[in-house]
PDB file of N, CA and C in Angstrom:
ATOM      1  N   MET A   1     134.337  88.899 116.963  1.00  0.00           N
ATOM      2  CA  MET A   1     135.326  88.540 117.941  1.00  0.00           C
ATOM      3  C   MET A   1     135.062  87.118 118.383  1.00  0.00           C
ATOM      4  N   ILE A   2     136.057  86.487 118.876  1.00  0.00           N
ATOM      5  CA  ILE A   2     135.917  85.144 119.423  1.00  0.00           C
ATOM      6  C   ILE A   2     136.144  85.280 120.923  1.00  0.00           C
ATOM      7  N   VAL A   3     135.125  84.900 121.681  1.00  0.00           N
ATOM      8  CA  VAL A   3     135.191  85.051 123.136  1.00  0.00           C
ATOM      9  C   VAL A   3     134.828  83.745 123.819  1.00  0.00           C
ATOM     10  N   LYS A   4     135.340  83.591 125.026  1.00  0.00           N
ATOM     11  CA  LYS A   4     134.992  82.421 125.821  1.00  0.00           C
ATOM     12  C   LYS A   4     133.764  82.760 126.651  1.00  0.00           C
ATOM     13  N   MET A   5     132.704  81.965 126.471  1.00  0.00           N
ATOM     14  CA  MET A   5     131.452  82.160 127.193  1.00  0.00           C
ATOM     15  C   MET A   5     131.021  80.819 127.771  1.00  0.00           C
ATOM     16  N   ASN A   6     130.849  80.777 129.078  1.00  0.00           N
ATOM     17  CA  ASN A   6     130.395  79.549 129.741  1.00  0.00           C
ATOM     18  C   ASN A   6     131.259  78.341 129.388  1.00  0.00           C
ATOM     19  N   GLY A   7     132.561  78.543 129.322  1.00  0.00           N
ATOM     20  CA  GLY A   7     133.504  77.457 129.101  1.00  0.00           C
ATOM     21  C   GLY A   7     133.744  77.065 127.653  1.00  0.00           C
ATOM     22  N   ALA A   8     133.080  77.737 126.697  1.00  0.00           N
ATOM     23  CA  ALA A   8     133.272  77.426 125.279  1.00  0.00           C
ATOM     24  C   ALA A   8     133.512  78.726 124.514  1.00  0.00           C
ATOM     25  N   TYR A   9     134.163  78.603 123.378  1.00  0.00           N
ATOM     26  CA  TYR A   9     134.430  79.775 122.541  1.00  0.00           C
ATOM     27  C   TYR A   9     133.275  79.986 121.576  1.00  0.00           C
ATOM     28  N   LYS A  10     132.884  81.248 121.403  1.00  0.00           N
ATOM     29  CA  LYS A  10     131.802  81.640 120.498  1.00  0.00           C
ATOM     30  C   LYS A  10     132.326  82.742 119.579  1.00  0.00           C
ATOM     31  N   ILE A  11     131.743  82.822 118.375  1.00  0.00           N
ATOM     32  CA  ILE A  11     132.101  83.859 117.413  1.00  0.00           C
ATOM     33  C   ILE A  11     130.964  84.871 117.363  1.00  0.00           C
ATOM     34  N   ILE A  12     131.303  86.150 117.459  1.00  0.00           N
ATOM     35  CA  ILE A  12     130.312  87.219 117.423  1.00  0.00           C
ATOM     36  C   ILE A  12     130.663  88.162 116.278  1.00  0.00           C
ATOM     37  N   CYS A  13     129.671  88.488 115.449  1.00  0.00           N
ATOM     38  CA  CYS A  13     129.875  89.430 114.349  1.00  0.00           C
ATOM     39  C   CYS A  13     129.823  90.852 114.892  1.00  0.00           C
ATOM     40  N   HIS A  14     130.828  91.654 114.595  1.00  0.00           N
ATOM     41  CA  HIS A  14     130.864  93.040 115.046  1.00  0.00           C
ATOM     42  C   HIS A  14     129.865  93.919 114.305  1.00  0.00           C
ATOM     43  N   ALA A  15     129.493  93.533 113.087  1.00  0.00           N
ATOM     44  CA  ALA A  15     128.583  94.362 112.298  1.00  0.00           C
ATOM     45  C   ALA A  15     127.134  94.215 112.748  1.00  0.00           C
ATOM     46  N   CYS A  16     126.664  92.973 112.930  1.00  0.00           N
ATOM     47  CA  CYS A  16     125.253  92.756 113.267  1.00  0.00           C
ATOM     48  C   CYS A  16     125.033  92.303 114.702  1.00  0.00           C
ATOM     49  N   GLY A  17     126.113  91.900 115.387  1.00  0.00           N
ATOM     50  CA  GLY A  17     125.996  91.457 116.774  1.00  0.00           C
ATOM     51  C   GLY A  17     125.555  90.014 116.946  1.00  0.00           C
ATOM     52  N   GLU A  18     125.348  89.316 115.838  1.00  0.00           N
ATOM     53  CA  GLU A  18     124.907  87.924 115.888  1.00  0.00           C
ATOM     54  C   GLU A  18     125.970  87.054 116.560  1.00  0.00           C
ATOM     55  N   ILE A  19     125.520  86.200 117.468  1.00  0.00           N
ATOM     56  CA  ILE A  19     126.401  85.216 118.106  1.00  0.00           C
ATOM     57  C   ILE A  19     126.186  83.908 117.363  1.00  0.00           C
ATOM     58  N   TYR A  20     127.222  83.417 116.704  1.00  0.00           N
ATOM     59  CA  TYR A  20     127.107  82.181 115.950  1.00  0.00           C
ATOM     60  C   TYR A  20     126.775  81.047 116.909  1.00  0.00           C
ATOM     61  N   PRO A  21     125.807  80.189 116.580  1.00  0.00           N
ATOM     62  CA  PRO A  21     125.340  79.185 117.544  1.00  0.00           C
ATOM     63  C   PRO A  21     126.337  78.076 117.877  1.00  0.00           C
ATOM     64  N   GLN A  22     127.266  77.789 116.987  1.00  0.00           N
ATOM     65  CA  GLN A  22     128.211  76.708 117.256  1.00  0.00           C
ATOM     66  C   GLN A  22     129.207  77.130 118.319  1.00  0.00           C
ATOM     67  N   GLU A  23     129.572  76.185 119.176  1.00  0.00           N
ATOM     68  CA  GLU A  23     130.572  76.419 120.220  1.00  0.00           C
ATOM     69  C   GLU A  23     131.836  75.651 119.875  1.00  0.00           C
ATOM     70  N   PHE A  24     132.967  76.167 120.349  1.00  0.00           N
ATOM     71  CA  PHE A  24     134.267  75.563 120.064  1.00  0.00           C
ATOM     72  C   PHE A  24     135.026  75.355 121.370  1.00  0.00           C
ATOM     73  N   ASP A  25     135.733  74.228 121.458  1.00  0.00           N
ATOM     74  CA  ASP A  25     136.525  73.928 122.651  1.00  0.00           C
ATOM     75  C   ASP A  25     137.814  74.726 122.682  1.00  0.00           C
ATOM     76  N   ASP A  26     138.287  75.130 121.517  1.00  0.00           N
ATOM     77  CA  ASP A  26     139.576  75.787 121.388  1.00  0.00           C
ATOM     78  C   ASP A  26     139.409  77.056 120.548  1.00  0.00           C
ATOM     79  N   PHE A  27     140.118  78.116 120.902  1.00  0.00           N
ATOM     80  CA  PHE A  27     140.065  79.391 120.177  1.00  0.00           C
ATOM     81  C   PHE A  27     140.353  79.193 118.696  1.00  0.00           C
ATOM     82  N   TYR A  28     141.387  78.406 118.382  1.00  0.00           N
ATOM     83  CA  TYR A  28     141.801  78.241 116.991  1.00  0.00           C
ATOM     84  C   TYR A  28     140.838  77.377 116.177  1.00  0.00           C
ATOM     85  N   GLU A  29     140.020  76.549 116.838  1.00  0.00           N
ATOM     86  CA  GLU A  29     138.940  75.854 116.136  1.00  0.00           C
ATOM     87  C   GLU A  29     137.951  76.889 115.601  1.00  0.00           C
ATOM     88  N   GLY A  30     137.648  77.888 116.410  1.00  0.00           N
ATOM     89  CA  GLY A  30     136.762  78.974 115.998  1.00  0.00           C
ATOM     90  C   GLY A  30     137.349  79.765 114.843  1.00  0.00           C
ATOM     91  N   VAL A  31     138.638  80.047 114.906  1.00  0.00           N
ATOM     92  CA  VAL A  31     139.321  80.782 113.835  1.00  0.00           C
ATOM     93  C   VAL A  31     139.235  80.001 112.527  1.00  0.00           C
ATOM     94  N   ASP A  32     139.558  78.722 112.566  1.00  0.00           N
ATOM     95  CA  ASP A  32     139.510  77.892 111.356  1.00  0.00           C
ATOM     96  C   ASP A  32     138.096  77.814 110.801  1.00  0.00           C
ATOM     97  N   PHE A  33     137.116  77.639 111.679  1.00  0.00           N
ATOM     98  CA  PHE A  33     135.732  77.526 111.251  1.00  0.00           C
ATOM     99  C   PHE A  33     135.248  78.805 110.573  1.00  0.00           C
ATOM    100  N   LYS A  34     135.518  79.961 111.179  1.00  0.00           N
ATOM    101  CA  LYS A  34     135.019  81.218 110.608  1.00  0.00           C
ATOM    102  C   LYS A  34     135.649  81.481 109.246  1.00  0.00           C
ATOM    103  N   LYS A  35     136.901  81.113 109.068  1.00  0.00           N
ATOM    104  CA  LYS A  35     137.548  81.274 107.766  1.00  0.00           C
ATOM    105  C   LYS A  35     136.861  80.411 106.715  1.00  0.00           C
ATOM    106  N   LYS A  36     136.553  79.162 107.059  1.00  0.00           N
ATOM    107  CA  LYS A  36     135.878  78.256 106.128  1.00  0.00           C
ATOM    108  C   LYS A  36     134.472  78.740 105.793  1.00  0.00           C
ATOM    109  N   GLU A  37     133.822  79.420 106.728  1.00  0.00           N
ATOM    110  CA  GLU A  37     132.455  79.906 106.538  1.00  0.00           C
ATOM    111  C   GLU A  37     132.382  81.269 105.858  1.00  0.00           C
ATOM    112  N   GLY A  38     133.533  81.856 105.524  1.00  0.00           N
ATOM    113  CA  GLY A  38     133.547  83.109 104.784  1.00  0.00           C
ATOM    114  C   GLY A  38     133.556  84.367 105.638  1.00  0.00           C
ATOM    115  N   TRP A  39     133.754  84.242 106.945  1.00  0.00           N
ATOM    116  CA  TRP A  39     133.891  85.416 107.811  1.00  0.00           C
ATOM    117  C   TRP A  39     135.239  86.075 107.519  1.00  0.00           C
ATOM    118  N   LYS A  40     135.350  87.353 107.806  1.00  0.00           N
ATOM    119  CA  LYS A  40     136.609  88.076 107.633  1.00  0.00           C
ATOM    120  C   LYS A  40     137.000  88.753 108.946  1.00  0.00           C
ATOM    121  N   SER A  41     138.291  88.849 109.162  1.00  0.00           N
ATOM    122  CA  SER A  41     138.827  89.553 110.323  1.00  0.00           C
ATOM    123  C   SER A  41     139.396  90.885 109.864  1.00  0.00           C
ATOM    124  N   ARG A  42     139.173  91.915 110.661  1.00  0.00           N
ATOM    125  CA  ARG A  42     139.732  93.237 110.389  1.00  0.00           C
ATOM    126  C   ARG A  42     140.443  93.718 111.637  1.00  0.00           C
ATOM    127  N   GLN A  43     141.704  94.090 111.488  1.00  0.00           N
ATOM    128  CA  GLN A  43     142.447  94.606 112.625  1.00  0.00           C
ATOM    129  C   GLN A  43     142.015  96.051 112.875  1.00  0.00           C
ATOM    130  N   ILE A  44     141.632  96.332 114.125  1.00  0.00           N
ATOM    131  CA  ILE A  44     141.152  97.669 114.480  1.00  0.00           C
ATOM    132  C   ILE A  44     142.081  98.376 115.457  1.00  0.00           C
ATOM    133  N   GLY A  45     143.167  97.743 115.776  1.00  0.00           N
ATOM    134  CA  GLY A  45     144.152  98.306 116.696  1.00  0.00           C
ATOM    135  C   GLY A  45     145.162  97.231 117.028  1.00  0.00           C
ATOM    136  N   GLU A  46     146.144  97.607 117.796  1.00  0.00           N
ATOM    137  CA  GLU A  46     147.181  96.647 118.140  1.00  0.00           C
ATOM    138  C   GLU A  46     146.593  95.529 119.003  1.00  0.00           C
ATOM    139  N   GLY A  47     146.574  94.317 118.444  1.00  0.00           N
ATOM    140  CA  GLY A  47     146.043  93.161 119.145  1.00  0.00           C
ATOM    141  C   GLY A  47     144.523  93.123 119.229  1.00  0.00           C
ATOM    142  N   LYS A  48     143.825  94.002 118.498  1.00  0.00           N
ATOM    143  CA  LYS A  48     142.361  94.035 118.525  1.00  0.00           C
ATOM    144  C   LYS A  48     141.814  93.781 117.128  1.00  0.00           C
ATOM    145  N   TRP A  49     140.818  92.919 117.077  1.00  0.00           N
ATOM    146  CA  TRP A  49     140.258  92.500 115.797  1.00  0.00           C
ATOM    147  C   TRP A  49     138.744  92.537 115.826  1.00  0.00           C
ATOM    148  N   GLU A  50     138.150  92.730 114.659  1.00  0.00           N
ATOM    149  CA  GLU A  50     136.718  92.593 114.462  1.00  0.00           C
ATOM    150  C   GLU A  50     136.500  91.356 113.592  1.00  0.00           C
ATOM    151  N   GLU A  51     135.404  90.668 113.840  1.00  0.00           N
ATOM    152  CA  GLU A  51     134.995  89.549 112.993  1.00  0.00           C
ATOM    153  C   GLU A  51     133.704  89.966 112.304  1.00  0.00           C
ATOM    154  N   ILE A  52     133.641  89.790 110.991  1.00  0.00           N
ATOM    155  CA  ILE A  52     132.468  90.175 110.214  1.00  0.00           C
ATOM    156  C   ILE A  52     131.934  88.925 109.506  1.00  0.00           C
ATOM    157  N   CYS A  53     130.635  88.611 109.727  1.00  0.00           N
ATOM    158  CA  CYS A  53     130.050  87.401 109.150  1.00  0.00           C
ATOM    159  C   CYS A  53     129.818  87.549 107.648  1.00  0.00           C
ATOM    160  N   LYS A  54     129.643  86.430 106.986  1.00  0.00           N
ATOM    161  CA  LYS A  54     129.456  86.403 105.536  1.00  0.00           C
ATOM    162  C   LYS A  54     128.239  87.215 105.115  1.00  0.00           C
ATOM    163  N   ASP A  55     127.127  87.121 105.853  1.00  0.00           N
ATOM    164  CA  ASP A  55     125.932  87.883 105.496  1.00  0.00           C
ATOM    165  C   ASP A  55     126.200  89.386 105.516  1.00  0.00           C
ATOM    166  N   CYS A  56     126.900  89.868 106.528  1.00  0.00           N
ATOM    167  CA  CYS A  56     127.214  91.298 106.619  1.00  0.00           C
ATOM    168  C   CYS A  56     128.186  91.714 105.521  1.00  0.00           C
ATOM    169  N   LEU A  57     129.145  90.869 105.205  1.00  0.00           N
ATOM    170  CA  LEU A  57     130.076  91.169 104.112  1.00  0.00           C
ATOM    171  C   LEU A  57     129.323  91.262 102.788  1.00  0.00           C
ATOM    172  N   ASP A  58     128.394  90.328 102.553  1.00  0.00           N
ATOM    173  CA  ASP A  58     127.600  90.355 101.327  1.00  0.00           C
ATOM    174  C   ASP A  58     126.736  91.610 101.269  1.00  0.00           C
ATOM    175  N   PHE A  59     126.129  91.971 102.386  1.00  0.00           N
ATOM    176  CA  PHE A  59     125.280  93.160 102.442  1.00  0.00           C
ATOM    177  C   PHE A  59     126.100  94.421 102.165  1.00  0.00           C
ATOM    178  N   GLN A  60     127.282  94.502 102.787  1.00  0.00           N
ATOM    179  CA  GLN A  60     128.142  95.669 102.617  1.00  0.00           C
ATOM    180  C   GLN A  60     128.630  95.794 101.173  1.00  0.00           C
ATOM    181  N   SER A  61     128.797  94.662 100.504  1.00  0.00           N
ATOM    182  CA  SER A  61     129.293  94.699  99.126  1.00  0.00           C
ATOM    183  C   SER A  61     128.156  94.841  98.104  1.00  0.00           C
ATOM    184  N   GLY A  62     126.919  94.838  98.586  1.00  0.00           N
ATOM    185  CA  GLY A  62     125.769  94.978  97.690  1.00  0.00           C
ATOM    186  C   GLY A  62     125.273  93.676  97.102  1.00  0.00           C
ATOM    187  N   LYS A  63     125.827  92.535  97.553  1.00  0.00           N
ATOM    188  CA  LYS A  63     125.393  91.247  97.023  1.00  0.00           C
ATOM    189  C   LYS A  63     124.038  90.833  97.580  1.00  0.00           C
ATOM    190  N   LYS A  64     123.678  91.365  98.749  1.00  0.00           N
ATOM    191  CA  LYS A  64     122.395  91.042  99.359  1.00  0.00           C
ATOM    192  C   LYS A  64     121.701  92.318  99.736  1.00  0.00           C
ATOM    193  N   SER A  65     120.410  92.317  99.599  1.00  0.00           N
ATOM    194  CA  SER A  65     119.644  93.459 100.093  1.00  0.00           C
ATOM    195  C   SER A  65     118.515  92.917 100.951  1.00  0.00           C
ATOM    196  N   TYR A  66     118.193  93.651 101.982  1.00  0.00           N
ATOM    197  CA  TYR A  66     117.149  93.196 102.918  1.00  0.00           C
ATOM    198  C   TYR A  66     115.998  94.148 102.905  1.00  0.00           C
TER     199      TYR A  66
END
């Protein structure tokens, strides 16, 4: 999810809970950035979305093992 925290927007992965360290001045800057970084959005309800980071997507697909 992309949330406003302390005056800046942050991206949080719903799968692992990681808060991406970069901050964004605008919600759509965060959206553009996460797309470029390989994050995926999943709609979980009307107007509700999950954000999944690239590492979690790779793990879920079997590309990475820990």
